[in-house]
């Protein structure tokens, strides 16, 4: 069986979250194909990359943004403000928090 590519993996994640587009703080840093085994972590260190490789992983998936996705991280706060407003938080409070 052929593995997935990075675009397909990202689509699965978006579908699971119920989102149509990639959030500002997310990115594929290295495109890949034939991905069968994924190492998932909240924070990834150089050792984790090495460890994933020794485990035979084809992809490393992390939560906290680095690189190009960190540059757009400020846009995440706009999304958080929208969520708060949708849930009934007053605009004055959401602007203070965001």
PDB file of N, CA and C in Angstrom:
ATOM      1  N   UNK A   1       0.834  -1.185   0.000  1.00  0.00           N
ATOM      2  CA  UNK A   1       0.000   0.000   0.000  1.00  0.00           C
ATOM      3  C   UNK A   1       0.879   1.249   0.000  1.00  0.00           C
ATOM      4  N   UNK A   2       0.556   2.182  -0.858  1.00  0.00           N
ATOM      5  CA  UNK A   2       1.280   3.448  -0.906  1.00  0.00           C
ATOM      6  C   UNK A   2       0.889   4.313   0.279  1.00  0.00           C
ATOM      7  N   UNK A   3       1.849   5.119   0.737  1.00  0.00           N
ATOM      8  CA  UNK A   3       1.575   6.034   1.828  1.00  0.00           C
ATOM      9  C   UNK A   3       0.945   7.317   1.321  1.00  0.00           C
ATOM     10  N   UNK A   4       0.708   8.231   2.227  1.00  0.00           N
ATOM     11  CA  UNK A   4       0.121   9.527   1.901  1.00  0.00           C
ATOM     12  C   UNK A   4       1.200  10.556   1.623  1.00  0.00           C
ATOM     13  N   UNK A   5       0.816  11.660   1.011  1.00  0.00           N
ATOM     14  CA  UNK A   5       1.756  12.772   0.887  1.00  0.00           C
ATOM     15  C   UNK A   5       1.370  13.842   1.908  1.00  0.00           C
ATOM     16  N   UNK A   6       2.210  14.856   2.060  1.00  0.00           N
ATOM     17  CA  UNK A   6       1.977  15.873   3.083  1.00  0.00           C
ATOM     18  C   UNK A   6       0.675  16.644   2.848  1.00  0.00           C
ATOM     19  N   UNK A   7       0.320  16.859   1.606  1.00  0.00           N
ATOM     20  CA  UNK A   7      -0.934  17.557   1.300  1.00  0.00           C
ATOM     21  C   UNK A   7      -2.137  16.732   1.775  1.00  0.00           C
ATOM     22  N   UNK A   8      -2.083  15.426   1.556  1.00  0.00           N
ATOM     23  CA  UNK A   8      -3.174  14.549   2.000  1.00  0.00           C
ATOM     24  C   UNK A   8      -3.262  14.501   3.533  1.00  0.00           C
ATOM     25  N   UNK A   9      -2.108  14.470   4.193  1.00  0.00           N
ATOM     26  CA  UNK A   9      -2.106  14.485   5.661  1.00  0.00           C
ATOM     27  C   UNK A   9      -2.716  15.771   6.205  1.00  0.00           C
ATOM     28  N   UNK A  10      -2.367  16.893   5.605  1.00  0.00           N
ATOM     29  CA  UNK A  10      -2.907  18.171   6.051  1.00  0.00           C
ATOM     30  C   UNK A  10      -4.412  18.218   5.817  1.00  0.00           C
ATOM     31  N   UNK A  11      -4.879  17.678   4.708  1.00  0.00           N
ATOM     32  CA  UNK A  11      -6.326  17.634   4.410  1.00  0.00           C
ATOM     33  C   UNK A  11      -7.061  16.806   5.459  1.00  0.00           C
ATOM     34  N   UNK A  12      -6.491  15.680   5.865  1.00  0.00           N
ATOM     35  CA  UNK A  12      -7.099  14.856   6.908  1.00  0.00           C
ATOM     36  C   UNK A  12      -7.240  15.663   8.202  1.00  0.00           C
ATOM     37  N   UNK A  13      -6.169  16.380   8.580  1.00  0.00           N
ATOM     38  CA  UNK A  13      -6.204  17.200   9.785  1.00  0.00           C
ATOM     39  C   UNK A  13      -7.266  18.287   9.708  1.00  0.00           C
ATOM     40  N   UNK A  14      -7.354  18.960   8.569  1.00  0.00           N
ATOM     41  CA  UNK A  14      -8.360  20.006   8.397  1.00  0.00           C
ATOM     42  C   UNK A  14      -9.770  19.426   8.475  1.00  0.00           C
ATOM     43  N   UNK A  15      -9.975  18.280   7.841  1.00  0.00           N
ATOM     44  CA  UNK A  15     -11.291  17.621   7.892  1.00  0.00           C
ATOM     45  C   UNK A  15     -11.657  17.248   9.319  1.00  0.00           C
ATOM     46  N   UNK A  16     -10.698  16.706  10.069  1.00  0.00           N
ATOM     47  CA  UNK A  16     -10.969  16.329  11.458  1.00  0.00           C
ATOM     48  C   UNK A  16     -11.327  17.548  12.313  1.00  0.00           C
ATOM     49  N   UNK A  17     -10.694  18.679  12.019  1.00  0.00           N
ATOM     50  CA  UNK A  17     -10.964  19.906  12.774  1.00  0.00           C
ATOM     51  C   UNK A  17     -12.226  20.616  12.284  1.00  0.00           C
ATOM     52  N   UNK A  18     -12.718  20.216  11.102  1.00  0.00           N
ATOM     53  CA  UNK A  18     -13.882  20.888  10.534  1.00  0.00           C
ATOM     54  C   UNK A  18     -13.537  22.222   9.902  1.00  0.00           C
ATOM     55  N   UNK A  19     -12.295  22.381   9.460  1.00  0.00           N
ATOM     56  CA  UNK A  19     -11.832  23.627   8.855  1.00  0.00           C
ATOM     57  C   UNK A  19     -11.653  23.449   7.361  1.00  0.00           C
ATOM     58  N   UNK A  20     -11.816  24.546   6.624  1.00  0.00           N
ATOM     59  CA  UNK A  20     -11.678  24.508   5.172  1.00  0.00           C
ATOM     60  C   UNK A  20     -10.293  24.973   4.697  1.00  0.00           C
ATOM     61  N   UNK A  21      -9.658  25.830   5.495  1.00  0.00           N
ATOM     62  CA  UNK A  21      -8.338  26.330   5.069  1.00  0.00           C
ATOM     63  C   UNK A  21      -7.328  26.174   6.200  1.00  0.00           C
ATOM     64  N   UNK A  22      -6.091  26.172   5.812  1.00  0.00           N
ATOM     65  CA  UNK A  22      -4.978  26.007   6.730  1.00  0.00           C
ATOM     66  C   UNK A  22      -4.850  27.230   7.634  1.00  0.00           C
ATOM     67  N   UNK A  23      -4.771  27.045   8.960  1.00  0.00           N
ATOM     68  CA  UNK A  23      -4.590  28.192   9.859  1.00  0.00           C
ATOM     69  C   UNK A  23      -3.261  28.890   9.616  1.00  0.00           C
ATOM     70  N   UNK A  24      -3.201  30.156  10.006  1.00  0.00           N
ATOM     71  CA  UNK A  24      -2.000  30.971   9.783  1.00  0.00           C
ATOM     72  C   UNK A  24      -0.763  30.418  10.464  1.00  0.00           C
ATOM     73  N   UNK A  25      -0.951  29.700  11.569  1.00  0.00           N
ATOM     74  CA  UNK A  25       0.202  29.199  12.315  1.00  0.00           C
ATOM     75  C   UNK A  25       0.586  27.772  11.915  1.00  0.00           C
ATOM     76  N   UNK A  26       0.111  27.327  10.769  1.00  0.00           N
ATOM     77  CA  UNK A  26       0.405  25.960  10.325  1.00  0.00           C
ATOM     78  C   UNK A  26       1.097  25.996   8.977  1.00  0.00           C
ATOM     79  N   UNK A  27       1.966  25.012   8.751  1.00  0.00           N
ATOM     80  CA  UNK A  27       2.691  24.946   7.487  1.00  0.00           C
ATOM     81  C   UNK A  27       3.328  23.578   7.329  1.00  0.00           C
ATOM     82  N   UNK A  28       3.573  23.229   6.085  1.00  0.00           N
ATOM     83  CA  UNK A  28       4.385  22.051   5.778  1.00  0.00           C
ATOM     84  C   UNK A  28       5.772  22.603   5.470  1.00  0.00           C
ATOM     85  N   UNK A  29       6.745  22.235   6.286  1.00  0.00           N
ATOM     86  CA  UNK A  29       8.097  22.776   6.103  1.00  0.00           C
ATOM     87  C   UNK A  29       8.902  21.976   5.080  1.00  0.00           C
ATOM     88  N   UNK A  30       8.643  20.682   5.010  1.00  0.00           N
ATOM     89  CA  UNK A  30       9.316  19.840   4.019  1.00  0.00           C
ATOM     90  C   UNK A  30       8.251  18.925   3.432  1.00  0.00           C
ATOM     91  N   UNK A  31       7.969  19.087   2.147  1.00  0.00           N
ATOM     92  CA  UNK A  31       6.968  18.241   1.500  1.00  0.00           C
ATOM     93  C   UNK A  31       7.485  16.815   1.413  1.00  0.00           C
ATOM     94  N   UNK A  32       6.541  15.870   1.499  1.00  0.00           N
ATOM     95  CA  UNK A  32       6.928  14.465   1.435  1.00  0.00           C
ATOM     96  C   UNK A  32       5.865  13.624   0.756  1.00  0.00           C
ATOM     97  N   UNK A  33       6.281  12.460   0.316  1.00  0.00           N
ATOM     98  CA  UNK A  33       5.384  11.499  -0.320  1.00  0.00           C
ATOM     99  C   UNK A  33       5.603  10.127   0.308  1.00  0.00           C
ATOM    100  N   UNK A  34       4.664   9.241   0.062  1.00  0.00           N
ATOM    101  CA  UNK A  34       4.750   7.857   0.535  1.00  0.00           C
ATOM    102  C   UNK A  34       4.966   7.780   2.052  1.00  0.00           C
ATOM    103  N   UNK A  35       4.246   8.627   2.780  1.00  0.00           N
ATOM    104  CA  UNK A  35       4.350   8.684   4.241  1.00  0.00           C
ATOM    105  C   UNK A  35       3.469   7.592   4.838  1.00  0.00           C
ATOM    106  N   UNK A  36       4.092   6.722   5.613  1.00  0.00           N
ATOM    107  CA  UNK A  36       3.368   5.610   6.221  1.00  0.00           C
ATOM    108  C   UNK A  36       3.416   5.649   7.744  1.00  0.00           C
ATOM    109  N   UNK A  37       4.461   6.242   8.295  1.00  0.00           N
ATOM    110  CA  UNK A  37       4.638   6.258   9.744  1.00  0.00           C
ATOM    111  C   UNK A  37       4.977   7.678  10.183  1.00  0.00           C
ATOM    112  N   UNK A  38       4.175   8.220  11.133  1.00  0.00           N
ATOM    113  CA  UNK A  38       4.306   9.617  11.558  1.00  0.00           C
ATOM    114  C   UNK A  38       4.677   9.684  13.033  1.00  0.00           C
ATOM    115  N   UNK A  39       5.645  10.508  13.353  1.00  0.00           N
ATOM    116  CA  UNK A  39       6.038  10.810  14.733  1.00  0.00           C
ATOM    117  C   UNK A  39       5.319  12.099  15.110  1.00  0.00           C
ATOM    118  N   UNK A  40       4.517  12.077  16.183  1.00  0.00           N
ATOM    119  CA  UNK A  40       3.733  13.240  16.596  1.00  0.00           C
ATOM    120  C   UNK A  40       4.192  13.703  17.970  1.00  0.00           C
ATOM    121  N   UNK A  41       4.379  15.026  18.128  1.00  0.00           N
ATOM    122  CA  UNK A  41       4.841  15.579  19.386  1.00  0.00           C
ATOM    123  C   UNK A  41       4.330  17.012  19.534  1.00  0.00           C
ATOM    124  N   UNK A  42       4.224  17.481  20.770  1.00  0.00           N
ATOM    125  CA  UNK A  42       3.858  18.875  21.008  1.00  0.00           C
ATOM    126  C   UNK A  42       5.034  19.778  20.634  1.00  0.00           C
ATOM    127  N   UNK A  43       6.185  19.532  21.194  1.00  0.00           N
ATOM    128  CA  UNK A  43       7.412  20.259  20.867  1.00  0.00           C
ATOM    129  C   UNK A  43       8.397  19.248  20.289  1.00  0.00           C
ATOM    130  N   UNK A  44       9.144  19.657  19.293  1.00  0.00           N
ATOM    131  CA  UNK A  44      10.114  18.756  18.679  1.00  0.00           C
ATOM    132  C   UNK A  44      11.505  19.357  18.788  1.00  0.00           C
ATOM    133  N   UNK A  45      12.421  18.553  19.297  1.00  0.00           N
ATOM    134  CA  UNK A  45      13.821  18.957  19.403  1.00  0.00           C
ATOM    135  C   UNK A  45      14.622  18.221  18.327  1.00  0.00           C
ATOM    136  N   UNK A  46      15.869  18.617  18.129  1.00  0.00           N
ATOM    137  CA  UNK A  46      16.706  17.864  17.187  1.00  0.00           C
ATOM    138  C   UNK A  46      16.804  16.377  17.561  1.00  0.00           C
ATOM    139  N   UNK A  47      16.837  16.084  18.869  1.00  0.00           N
ATOM    140  CA  UNK A  47      16.868  14.677  19.279  1.00  0.00           C
ATOM    141  C   UNK A  47      15.615  13.947  18.821  1.00  0.00           C
ATOM    142  N   UNK A  48      14.443  14.600  18.911  1.00  0.00           N
ATOM    143  CA  UNK A  48      13.199  13.973  18.475  1.00  0.00           C
ATOM    144  C   UNK A  48      13.237  13.635  16.983  1.00  0.00           C
ATOM    145  N   UNK A  49      13.822  14.509  16.196  1.00  0.00           N
ATOM    146  CA  UNK A  49      13.956  14.249  14.760  1.00  0.00           C
ATOM    147  C   UNK A  49      14.820  12.997  14.558  1.00  0.00           C
ATOM    148  N   UNK A  50      15.933  12.951  15.271  1.00  0.00           N
ATOM    149  CA  UNK A  50      16.814  11.776  15.200  1.00  0.00           C
ATOM    150  C   UNK A  50      16.078  10.516  15.660  1.00  0.00           C
ATOM    151  N   UNK A  51      15.362  10.618  16.781  1.00  0.00           N
ATOM    152  CA  UNK A  51      14.622   9.486  17.330  1.00  0.00           C
ATOM    153  C   UNK A  51      13.561   8.997  16.338  1.00  0.00           C
ATOM    154  N   UNK A  52      12.842   9.937  15.730  1.00  0.00           N
ATOM    155  CA  UNK A  52      11.824   9.570  14.735  1.00  0.00           C
ATOM    156  C   UNK A  52      12.457   8.825  13.566  1.00  0.00           C
ATOM    157  N   UNK A  53      13.616   9.288  13.160  1.00  0.00           N
ATOM    158  CA  UNK A  53      14.314   8.619  12.057  1.00  0.00           C
ATOM    159  C   UNK A  53      14.725   7.204  12.445  1.00  0.00           C
ATOM    160  N   UNK A  54      15.222   7.031  13.671  1.00  0.00           N
ATOM    161  CA  UNK A  54      15.625   5.682  14.100  1.00  0.00           C
ATOM    162  C   UNK A  54      14.417   4.759  14.245  1.00  0.00           C
ATOM    163  N   UNK A  55      13.235   5.320  14.499  1.00  0.00           N
ATOM    164  CA  UNK A  55      12.008   4.520  14.583  1.00  0.00           C
ATOM    165  C   UNK A  55      11.443   4.191  13.197  1.00  0.00           C
ATOM    166  N   UNK A  56      12.032   4.782  12.167  1.00  0.00           N
ATOM    167  CA  UNK A  56      11.565   4.533  10.802  1.00  0.00           C
ATOM    168  C   UNK A  56      10.394   5.407  10.393  1.00  0.00           C
ATOM    169  N   UNK A  57      10.234   6.541  11.058  1.00  0.00           N
ATOM    170  CA  UNK A  57       9.134   7.450  10.716  1.00  0.00           C
ATOM    171  C   UNK A  57       9.449   8.205   9.430  1.00  0.00           C
ATOM    172  N   UNK A  58       8.412   8.456   8.662  1.00  0.00           N
ATOM    173  CA  UNK A  58       8.546   9.173   7.392  1.00  0.00           C
ATOM    174  C   UNK A  58       8.212  10.657   7.543  1.00  0.00           C
ATOM    175  N   UNK A  59       7.624  11.029   8.673  1.00  0.00           N
ATOM    176  CA  UNK A  59       7.137  12.388   8.867  1.00  0.00           C
ATOM    177  C   UNK A  59       7.176  12.732  10.358  1.00  0.00           C
ATOM    178  N   UNK A  60       7.478  13.987  10.664  1.00  0.00           N
ATOM    179  CA  UNK A  60       7.413  14.487  12.037  1.00  0.00           C
ATOM    180  C   UNK A  60       6.372  15.593  12.057  1.00  0.00           C
ATOM    181  N   UNK A  61       5.385  15.438  12.926  1.00  0.00           N
ATOM    182  CA  UNK A  61       4.285  16.382  13.053  1.00  0.00           C
ATOM    183  C   UNK A  61       4.377  17.020  14.434  1.00  0.00           C
ATOM    184  N   UNK A  62       4.407  18.349  14.474  1.00  0.00           N
ATOM    185  CA  UNK A  62       4.545  19.045  15.754  1.00  0.00           C
ATOM    186  C   UNK A  62       3.469  20.110  15.911  1.00  0.00           C
ATOM    187  N   UNK A  63       3.219  20.487  17.148  1.00  0.00           N
ATOM    188  CA  UNK A  63       2.165  21.462  17.432  1.00  0.00           C
ATOM    189  C   UNK A  63       2.676  22.898  17.386  1.00  0.00           C
ATOM    190  N   UNK A  64       3.734  23.194  18.075  1.00  0.00           N
ATOM    191  CA  UNK A  64       4.194  24.579  18.161  1.00  0.00           C
ATOM    192  C   UNK A  64       4.905  25.004  16.887  1.00  0.00           C
ATOM    193  N   UNK A  65       4.533  26.179  16.377  1.00  0.00           N
ATOM    194  CA  UNK A  65       5.089  26.617  15.099  1.00  0.00           C
ATOM    195  C   UNK A  65       6.541  27.063  15.186  1.00  0.00           C
ATOM    196  N   UNK A  66       7.249  26.840  14.105  1.00  0.00           N
ATOM    197  CA  UNK A  66       8.614  27.331  13.932  1.00  0.00           C
ATOM    198  C   UNK A  66       8.703  27.901  12.517  1.00  0.00           C
ATOM    199  N   UNK A  67       9.792  28.548  12.223  1.00  0.00           N
ATOM    200  CA  UNK A  67      10.045  28.999  10.857  1.00  0.00           C
ATOM    201  C   UNK A  67       8.963  29.885  10.295  1.00  0.00           C
ATOM    202  N   UNK A  68       8.559  29.591   9.050  1.00  0.00           N
ATOM    203  CA  UNK A  68       7.618  30.457   8.340  1.00  0.00           C
ATOM    204  C   UNK A  68       6.248  30.531   9.011  1.00  0.00           C
ATOM    205  N   UNK A  69       5.833  29.476   9.704  1.00  0.00           N
ATOM    206  CA  UNK A  69       4.525  29.528  10.363  1.00  0.00           C
ATOM    207  C   UNK A  69       4.566  30.402  11.615  1.00  0.00           C
ATOM    208  N   UNK A  70       5.720  30.535  12.240  1.00  0.00           N
ATOM    209  CA  UNK A  70       5.842  31.398  13.418  1.00  0.00           C
ATOM    210  C   UNK A  70       5.725  32.873  13.030  1.00  0.00           C
ATOM    211  N   UNK A  71       6.120  33.212  11.809  1.00  0.00           N
ATOM    212  CA  UNK A  71       6.048  34.594  11.340  1.00  0.00           C
ATOM    213  C   UNK A  71       4.597  35.077  11.283  1.00  0.00           C
ATOM    214  N   UNK A  72       3.674  34.179  10.970  1.00  0.00           N
ATOM    215  CA  UNK A  72       2.251  34.538  10.869  1.00  0.00           C
ATOM    216  C   UNK A  72       1.477  34.226  12.143  1.00  0.00           C
ATOM    217  N   UNK A  73       2.174  33.904  13.209  1.00  0.00           N
ATOM    218  CA  UNK A  73       1.511  33.462  14.427  1.00  0.00           C
ATOM    219  C   UNK A  73       0.550  34.499  14.990  1.00  0.00           C
ATOM    220  N   UNK A  74       0.862  35.777  14.805  1.00  0.00           N
ATOM    221  CA  UNK A  74      -0.006  36.835  15.338  1.00  0.00           C
ATOM    222  C   UNK A  74      -1.438  36.745  14.793  1.00  0.00           C
ATOM    223  N   UNK A  75      -1.608  36.160  13.610  1.00  0.00           N
ATOM    224  CA  UNK A  75      -2.941  36.029  13.015  1.00  0.00           C
ATOM    225  C   UNK A  75      -3.817  35.053  13.803  1.00  0.00           C
ATOM    226  N   UNK A  76      -3.189  34.188  14.585  1.00  0.00           N
ATOM    227  CA  UNK A  76      -3.933  33.235  15.403  1.00  0.00           C
ATOM    228  C   UNK A  76      -4.822  33.971  16.399  1.00  0.00           C
ATOM    229  N   UNK A  77      -4.334  35.087  16.924  1.00  0.00           N
ATOM    230  CA  UNK A  77      -5.101  35.841  17.905  1.00  0.00           C
ATOM    231  C   UNK A  77      -6.386  36.403  17.296  1.00  0.00           C
ATOM    232  N   UNK A  78      -6.347  36.787  16.023  1.00  0.00           N
ATOM    233  CA  UNK A  78      -7.565  37.233  15.350  1.00  0.00           C
ATOM    234  C   UNK A  78      -8.593  36.107  15.322  1.00  0.00           C
ATOM    235  N   UNK A  79      -8.132  34.891  15.032  1.00  0.00           N
ATOM    236  CA  UNK A  79      -9.018  33.731  15.000  1.00  0.00           C
ATOM    237  C   UNK A  79      -9.596  33.467  16.389  1.00  0.00           C
ATOM    238  N   UNK A  80      -8.771  33.614  17.415  1.00  0.00           N
ATOM    239  CA  UNK A  80      -9.250  33.410  18.779  1.00  0.00           C
ATOM    240  C   UNK A  80     -10.321  34.441  19.135  1.00  0.00           C
ATOM    241  N   UNK A  81     -10.133  35.675  18.700  1.00  0.00           N
ATOM    242  CA  UNK A  81     -11.129  36.711  18.972  1.00  0.00           C
ATOM    243  C   UNK A  81     -12.453  36.359  18.296  1.00  0.00           C
ATOM    244  N   UNK A  82     -12.390  35.863  17.064  1.00  0.00           N
ATOM    245  CA  UNK A  82     -13.609  35.453  16.355  1.00  0.00           C
ATOM    246  C   UNK A  82     -14.319  34.343  17.115  1.00  0.00           C
ATOM    247  N   UNK A  83     -13.578  33.359  17.591  1.00  0.00           N
ATOM    248  CA  UNK A  83     -14.171  32.263  18.366  1.00  0.00           C
ATOM    249  C   UNK A  83     -14.851  32.786  19.632  1.00  0.00           C
ATOM    250  N   UNK A  84     -14.169  33.704  20.317  1.00  0.00           N
ATOM    251  CA  UNK A  84     -14.743  34.240  21.554  1.00  0.00           C
ATOM    252  C   UNK A  84     -16.046  34.981  21.265  1.00  0.00           C
ATOM    253  N   UNK A  85     -16.064  35.784  20.206  1.00  0.00           N
ATOM    254  CA  UNK A  85     -17.282  36.514  19.858  1.00  0.00           C
ATOM    255  C   UNK A  85     -18.410  35.547  19.508  1.00  0.00           C
ATOM    256  N   UNK A  86     -18.077  34.473  18.775  1.00  0.00           N
ATOM    257  CA  UNK A  86     -19.084  33.471  18.425  1.00  0.00           C
ATOM    258  C   UNK A  86     -19.670  32.796  19.656  1.00  0.00           C
ATOM    259  N   UNK A  87     -18.883  32.708  20.725  1.00  0.00           N
ATOM    260  CA  UNK A  87     -19.329  32.038  21.954  1.00  0.00           C
ATOM    261  C   UNK A  87     -19.942  33.011  22.958  1.00  0.00           C
ATOM    262  N   UNK A  88     -20.098  34.273  22.552  1.00  0.00           N
ATOM    263  CA  UNK A  88     -20.800  35.220  23.404  1.00  0.00           C
ATOM    264  C   UNK A  88     -19.927  36.109  24.267  1.00  0.00           C
ATOM    265  N   UNK A  89     -18.615  36.048  24.106  1.00  0.00           N
ATOM    266  CA  UNK A  89     -17.736  36.945  24.862  1.00  0.00           C
ATOM    267  C   UNK A  89     -17.877  38.345  24.260  1.00  0.00           C
ATOM    268  N   UNK A  90     -18.005  39.341  25.102  1.00  0.00           N
ATOM    269  CA  UNK A  90     -18.178  40.714  24.623  1.00  0.00           C
ATOM    270  C   UNK A  90     -16.941  41.180  23.862  1.00  0.00           C
ATOM    271  N   UNK A  91     -17.177  41.986  22.815  1.00  0.00           N
ATOM    272  CA  UNK A  91     -16.090  42.445  21.946  1.00  0.00           C
ATOM    273  C   UNK A  91     -14.995  43.178  22.733  1.00  0.00           C
ATOM    274  N   UNK A  92     -15.397  43.985  23.700  1.00  0.00           N
ATOM    275  CA  UNK A  92     -14.417  44.728  24.514  1.00  0.00           C
ATOM    276  C   UNK A  92     -13.461  43.764  25.218  1.00  0.00           C
ATOM    277  N   UNK A  93     -13.993  42.663  25.728  1.00  0.00           N
ATOM    278  CA  UNK A  93     -13.171  41.686  26.435  1.00  0.00           C
ATOM    279  C   UNK A  93     -12.322  40.900  25.442  1.00  0.00           C
ATOM    280  N   UNK A  94     -12.895  40.505  24.314  1.00  0.00           N
ATOM    281  CA  UNK A  94     -12.126  39.726  23.336  1.00  0.00           C
ATOM    282  C   UNK A  94     -10.976  40.546  22.759  1.00  0.00           C
ATOM    283  N   UNK A  95     -11.177  41.851  22.559  1.00  0.00           N
ATOM    284  CA  UNK A  95     -10.090  42.711  22.068  1.00  0.00           C
ATOM    285  C   UNK A  95      -8.990  42.830  23.115  1.00  0.00           C
ATOM    286  N   UNK A  96      -9.352  42.876  24.378  1.00  0.00           N
ATOM    287  CA  UNK A  96      -8.361  42.961  25.452  1.00  0.00           C
ATOM    288  C   UNK A  96      -7.531  41.686  25.515  1.00  0.00           C
ATOM    289  N   UNK A  97      -8.181  40.547  25.387  1.00  0.00           N
ATOM    290  CA  UNK A  97      -7.489  39.254  25.460  1.00  0.00           C
ATOM    291  C   UNK A  97      -6.647  39.039  24.209  1.00  0.00           C
ATOM    292  N   UNK A  98      -7.196  39.376  23.036  1.00  0.00           N
ATOM    293  CA  UNK A  98      -6.496  39.136  21.763  1.00  0.00           C
ATOM    294  C   UNK A  98      -5.457  40.153  21.546  1.00  0.00           C
TER     295      UNK A  98
END
